Protein backbone atom coordinates (compact mmCIF):
# COMPACT_ATOMS: atom_id res chain seq x y z
CA MET A 1 84.02 110.06 125.38
CA TYR A 2 80.65 109.39 123.77
CA ARG A 3 82.35 107.63 120.86
CA GLN A 4 84.65 105.55 123.09
CA MET A 5 82.08 104.60 125.72
CA VAL A 6 78.73 104.59 123.92
CA SER A 7 78.44 104.44 120.12
CA GLY A 8 81.84 102.87 119.45
CA ALA A 9 81.79 100.28 122.24
CA THR A 10 78.53 98.36 121.98
CA LYS A 11 80.24 94.95 122.15
CA PRO A 12 82.64 93.51 124.77
CA THR A 13 85.57 93.06 122.38
CA LEU A 14 85.28 96.69 121.25
CA PHE A 15 85.40 97.91 124.85
CA PHE A 16 87.86 95.44 126.41
CA GLY A 17 89.96 94.53 123.38
CA LYS A 18 90.78 91.22 121.74
CA PRO A 19 91.41 88.06 123.80
CA TYR A 20 95.00 87.15 124.59
CA ARG A 21 96.06 83.61 125.45
CA ALA A 22 99.41 81.88 125.83
CA GLY A 23 100.92 81.43 122.39
CA ASP A 24 99.02 84.33 120.81
CA ASP A 25 100.68 87.39 119.35
CA PRO A 26 101.67 89.51 122.38
CA SER A 27 99.54 92.51 121.42
CA PRO A 28 96.33 91.42 119.66
CA GLY A 29 94.61 94.79 120.02
CA MET A 30 93.34 97.18 122.71
CA GLY A 31 89.74 98.17 123.34
CA THR A 32 88.36 101.69 123.59
CA ILE A 33 88.73 101.85 127.39
CA GLU A 34 92.48 101.22 127.01
CA THR A 35 93.24 103.73 124.27
CA THR A 36 90.82 106.43 125.43
CA PRO A 37 90.52 107.47 128.19
CA HIS A 38 93.17 105.30 129.88
CA THR A 39 96.30 105.81 127.80
CA GLN A 40 95.64 109.42 126.82
CA ILE A 41 95.34 110.43 130.50
CA HIS A 42 98.78 108.91 131.11
CA ILE A 43 100.23 111.16 128.42
CA TRP A 44 98.27 114.22 129.54
CA THR A 45 99.44 113.96 133.16
CA GLY A 46 103.06 113.11 132.34
CA ASP A 47 105.65 115.88 132.64
CA PRO A 48 106.79 117.05 129.18
CA ASN A 49 109.88 118.58 130.79
CA GLN A 50 111.14 115.13 131.81
CA THR A 51 113.27 113.08 129.43
CA LYS A 52 110.68 110.33 128.98
CA GLY A 53 107.53 112.06 130.22
CA GLU A 54 107.92 110.74 133.75
CA ASN A 55 106.16 109.93 135.90
CA MET A 56 102.70 109.19 134.44
CA GLY A 57 103.87 109.53 130.86
CA ASN A 58 106.10 106.45 130.93
CA PHE A 59 105.19 102.86 131.68
CA TYR A 60 108.07 102.19 134.11
CA SER A 61 107.49 105.26 136.30
CA ALA A 62 103.71 105.83 136.23
CA GLY A 63 103.09 104.16 139.60
CA ARG A 64 105.26 106.77 141.35
CA ASP A 65 102.63 109.45 140.81
CA PRO A 66 99.70 109.40 143.29
CA ILE A 67 97.32 110.29 140.45
CA PHE A 68 98.06 106.84 138.97
CA TYR A 69 95.81 105.24 141.58
CA CYS A 70 93.03 107.81 141.18
CA HIS A 71 93.23 107.35 137.43
CA HIS A 72 92.94 103.57 137.53
CA SER A 73 90.12 103.76 140.05
CA ASN A 74 88.31 105.97 137.56
CA VAL A 75 88.95 103.45 134.77
CA ASP A 76 87.27 100.91 137.05
CA ARG A 77 84.34 103.34 137.39
CA MET A 78 84.15 103.70 133.60
CA TRP A 79 83.91 99.91 133.34
CA ASP A 80 81.02 99.96 135.80
CA LEU A 81 79.32 102.76 133.85
CA TRP A 82 79.76 100.99 130.52
CA LYS A 83 77.84 97.93 131.72
CA LYS A 84 74.87 100.13 132.66
CA ILE A 85 74.54 101.96 129.33
CA PRO A 86 71.35 100.80 127.56
CA GLY A 87 71.56 99.02 124.21
CA GLY A 88 74.19 96.84 122.60
CA LYS A 89 75.68 93.76 124.24
CA ARG A 90 77.42 95.45 127.14
CA LYS A 91 78.37 92.71 129.57
CA ASP A 92 81.46 91.23 131.14
CA ILE A 93 83.42 88.64 129.20
CA GLU A 94 82.16 85.11 129.85
CA ASP A 95 85.16 83.18 128.55
CA PRO A 96 86.34 80.76 131.30
CA ASP A 97 89.98 81.42 130.40
CA TRP A 98 89.47 85.04 131.44
CA LEU A 99 87.18 84.42 134.41
CA ASN A 100 89.57 81.88 135.93
CA SER A 101 92.76 83.88 135.35
CA GLU A 102 94.60 84.24 138.66
CA PHE A 103 96.78 86.92 140.22
CA LEU A 104 98.77 86.92 143.46
CA PHE A 105 98.69 89.85 145.90
CA TRP A 106 100.05 90.59 149.35
CA ASP A 107 97.19 91.60 151.66
CA GLU A 108 97.21 93.97 154.63
CA ASN A 109 98.44 91.12 156.86
CA LYS A 110 101.42 90.37 154.61
CA GLU A 111 99.75 87.16 153.49
CA LEU A 112 99.90 86.00 149.88
CA VAL A 113 96.39 85.95 148.40
CA ARG A 114 95.28 84.34 145.15
CA VAL A 115 92.50 86.25 143.35
CA LYS A 116 90.59 85.18 140.25
CA VAL A 117 89.11 87.67 137.79
CA LYS A 118 85.60 86.32 138.39
CA ASP A 119 85.92 87.28 142.06
CA THR A 120 86.33 90.97 141.21
CA LEU A 121 83.47 91.67 138.79
CA ASP A 122 80.87 92.76 141.35
CA THR A 123 82.06 95.83 143.26
CA LYS A 124 79.32 95.39 145.87
CA LYS A 125 80.83 92.05 146.87
CA LEU A 126 84.14 93.84 147.24
CA GLY A 127 82.53 96.30 149.63
CA TYR A 128 82.36 99.47 147.59
CA GLY A 129 80.38 101.27 144.90
CA PHE A 130 80.55 104.43 142.81
CA GLN A 131 78.68 107.63 143.53
CA ASP A 132 75.99 108.60 141.04
CA VAL A 133 76.97 111.94 139.52
CA PRO A 134 75.93 113.81 136.35
CA ILE A 135 77.79 112.54 133.27
CA PRO A 136 77.43 115.14 130.49
CA TRP A 137 79.24 113.13 127.82
CA LEU A 138 76.85 110.19 128.18
CA THR A 139 74.30 111.92 125.94
CA THR A 140 76.61 114.33 124.11
CA ARG A 141 76.65 112.85 120.64
CA ALA A 142 79.15 114.44 118.26
CA THR A 143 77.95 116.42 115.26
CA PRO A 144 79.29 116.32 111.68
CA LYS A 145 81.75 119.03 110.76
CA LEU A 146 79.92 119.58 107.48
CA THR A 147 76.71 118.35 105.88
CA ARG A 148 76.98 115.76 103.10
CA GLN A 149 76.01 118.41 100.58
CA GLU A 150 78.70 120.79 101.80
CA LYS A 151 81.32 118.03 101.70
CA SER A 152 80.35 117.15 98.13
CA ARG A 153 80.57 120.78 97.09
CA ARG A 154 83.99 121.25 98.66
CA ALA A 155 85.28 117.97 97.20
CA ALA A 156 84.27 119.13 93.73
CA GLU A 157 86.19 122.37 94.20
CA LYS A 158 89.51 120.79 95.16
CA SER A 159 91.50 117.74 94.18
CA VAL A 160 92.17 115.32 97.03
CA VAL A 161 94.93 112.76 96.51
CA LEU A 162 94.07 109.39 98.03
CA THR A 163 96.65 106.73 98.80
CA PRO A 164 95.66 103.47 97.06
CA ILE A 165 95.17 100.49 99.37
CA SER A 166 97.73 98.66 97.22
CA ALA A 167 100.39 101.11 98.49
CA PHE A 168 100.14 99.77 102.05
CA PRO A 169 102.15 99.27 104.28
CA VAL A 170 102.64 103.02 104.74
CA VAL A 171 104.60 105.16 107.19
CA LEU A 172 102.49 107.75 109.00
CA ASP A 173 104.94 110.61 108.48
CA LYS A 174 102.13 112.71 106.98
CA VAL A 175 98.34 112.75 106.75
CA ILE A 176 97.23 109.78 104.67
CA SER A 177 93.75 109.12 103.26
CA VAL A 178 92.62 105.86 101.68
CA GLU A 179 89.34 104.68 100.18
CA VAL A 180 88.04 101.50 101.83
CA SER A 181 85.27 99.28 100.45
CA ARG A 182 82.36 98.19 102.63
CA PRO A 183 81.23 94.53 102.49
CA LYS A 184 77.62 95.53 103.28
CA LYS A 185 75.64 98.75 103.30
CA SER A 186 72.19 100.05 104.32
CA ARG A 187 71.81 97.44 107.06
CA SER A 188 68.59 97.03 109.05
CA ALA A 189 68.24 97.91 112.73
CA THR A 190 68.28 94.20 113.60
CA GLU A 191 71.48 93.64 111.63
CA LYS A 192 73.12 96.55 113.43
CA GLU A 193 72.07 95.19 116.80
CA ASP A 194 73.48 91.75 115.97
CA GLU A 195 76.75 92.94 114.44
CA ASP A 196 78.73 96.15 114.71
CA GLU A 197 80.49 97.49 111.64
CA VAL A 198 84.13 98.03 112.51
CA LEU A 199 87.19 99.62 110.99
CA VAL A 200 90.14 97.24 111.32
CA ILE A 201 93.61 98.79 111.17
CA GLU A 202 96.12 95.96 110.88
CA GLY A 203 99.85 95.71 111.36
CA ILE A 204 100.41 98.88 113.38
CA GLU A 205 104.16 98.61 113.97
CA TYR A 206 106.04 101.00 116.26
CA GLU A 207 108.85 101.33 118.81
CA GLU A 208 107.56 100.72 122.34
CA ASN A 209 109.89 103.33 123.84
CA GLN A 210 108.37 106.11 121.71
CA LEU A 211 105.40 108.34 122.45
CA ILE A 212 102.97 107.57 119.64
CA LYS A 213 99.61 109.08 118.80
CA PHE A 214 97.59 109.19 115.62
CA ASP A 215 93.91 109.91 114.99
CA VAL A 216 91.58 108.07 112.62
CA LEU A 217 88.78 109.91 110.84
CA VAL A 218 86.09 108.81 108.39
CA ASN A 219 84.81 110.87 105.44
CA ASP A 220 86.62 113.98 106.66
CA GLU A 221 88.60 116.55 104.69
CA PRO A 222 92.23 115.34 104.56
CA ASP A 223 93.60 118.87 104.29
CA SER A 224 91.76 120.08 107.42
CA PRO A 225 90.94 117.07 109.62
CA GLY A 226 88.66 117.62 112.60
CA GLY A 227 89.01 116.57 116.22
CA PRO A 228 87.25 114.31 118.73
CA ASP A 229 84.26 116.65 119.01
CA MET A 230 83.29 115.88 115.40
CA SER A 231 81.28 112.89 114.13
CA GLU A 232 84.03 112.10 111.61
CA PHE A 233 86.39 111.19 114.45
CA ALA A 234 86.59 107.38 114.82
CA GLY A 235 89.31 107.10 117.48
CA SER A 236 92.97 107.44 118.41
CA PHE A 237 95.90 105.10 118.77
CA VAL A 238 98.17 106.05 121.69
CA ASN A 239 101.26 104.35 123.09
CA VAL A 240 102.62 105.12 126.56
CA PRO A 241 106.42 104.80 126.16
CA HIS A 242 108.18 101.86 127.78
CA LYS A 243 111.73 102.04 129.07
CA HIS A 244 113.05 99.40 126.68
CA ALA A 245 113.47 99.79 122.92
CA LYS A 246 111.48 97.06 121.24
CA LYS A 247 109.39 96.75 118.10
CA SER A 248 105.72 95.99 118.66
CA LYS A 249 102.93 95.14 116.24
CA THR A 250 99.22 95.32 116.97
CA THR A 251 95.75 95.86 115.52
CA MET A 252 93.17 98.54 116.28
CA VAL A 253 89.43 97.91 115.86
CA LEU A 254 87.03 100.87 115.90
CA GLY A 255 83.25 100.56 115.98
CA ILE A 256 81.73 102.81 113.31
CA THR A 257 78.03 101.87 113.15
CA GLY A 258 76.95 104.95 115.10
CA LEU A 259 79.48 107.12 113.29
CA LEU A 260 78.02 106.21 109.90
CA GLU A 261 74.53 107.04 111.15
CA ASP A 262 75.76 110.45 112.30
CA LEU A 263 77.37 111.09 108.91
CA GLU A 264 74.37 109.76 106.94
CA ALA A 265 76.83 107.44 105.19
CA GLU A 266 75.11 104.09 105.75
CA GLY A 267 74.31 103.76 102.05
CA ASP A 268 77.84 104.50 100.82
CA ASP A 269 79.78 101.79 98.98
CA THR A 270 83.13 103.08 100.24
CA LEU A 271 84.52 105.24 103.03
CA VAL A 272 87.51 107.56 103.03
CA VAL A 273 89.66 106.78 106.07
CA THR A 274 92.19 109.42 107.10
CA PHE A 275 95.17 108.84 109.40
CA VAL A 276 96.39 111.99 111.15
CA PRO A 277 99.76 111.61 112.92
CA ARG A 278 99.95 113.74 116.07
CA THR A 279 103.18 112.48 117.68
CA GLY A 280 105.86 110.06 116.49
CA GLY A 281 104.19 109.24 113.19
CA ASP A 282 107.49 108.82 111.35
CA SER A 283 108.17 105.70 113.43
CA VAL A 284 104.74 104.12 112.82
CA THR A 285 103.84 101.78 109.97
CA VAL A 286 100.31 100.64 109.11
CA ALA A 287 100.01 97.46 107.03
CA ASN A 288 96.34 97.48 106.03
CA VAL A 289 92.88 98.89 106.72
CA LYS A 290 89.58 97.14 106.06
CA ILE A 291 85.97 96.91 107.25
CA GLU A 292 84.50 93.89 109.04
CA PHE A 293 81.57 93.05 111.33
CA VAL A 294 81.75 91.81 114.92
CA ALA A 295 79.02 90.11 116.93
CA ASP A 296 80.54 90.22 120.42
């Protein structure tokens, strides 16, 4: 959670995801709040004994489970928490297209009510707030699996086969590692505050009716990749299955400025990015991976 809420989500687009307007590609890319914790909780609370993971584990049936409403209330709480975390540019989106987006609801009097996004951003005006409780993950920064020296020693002892970037697109039917060049390195504190270094995974193509999950790690050992409790862990892509069979293509953007600090890799010219398929990897294609910088 520290990676998804704190170090990897210092800018609005990293937390919320990319903007989507009429005429845009239908799935421009989710933010950290959508992939983790939101989507992973859907999978975790779905019933693996059901054909499609019903109820929570499938898009069409999730609302049948009472936990759906608790879960989404907690996502709302995470949004509120995110805005209060010091540092970065954590604030609500100010784009008028988003603020003035409208939705229609039936109220308790069976009257149709029109609500704009900008009317829902202050929970106090809506008549509620969230209880202050201890949040252990807020200061629980991950630790590297190995020191740089230990990684170098192990790398010298074994031969690791990297997939060349020219071989992309690739199918994630196995663990794949690729070396990615960095446009800048050894940035100053001011540069980091202004722009977050991000890992951009483009052209993620998959079937919407399939349960999909793969992890992304940086400078880890491809033959024994770590998990989310390690600094090498950059994030996960997760798809809650839909009822219909349809191809979808999207992009995932992961903030890695804090990750590189943890790994003492800020001065490296390149990074080794490892894709670890967990579920449904044989039906996932990734077109490209690169590093960019985002300011908001």
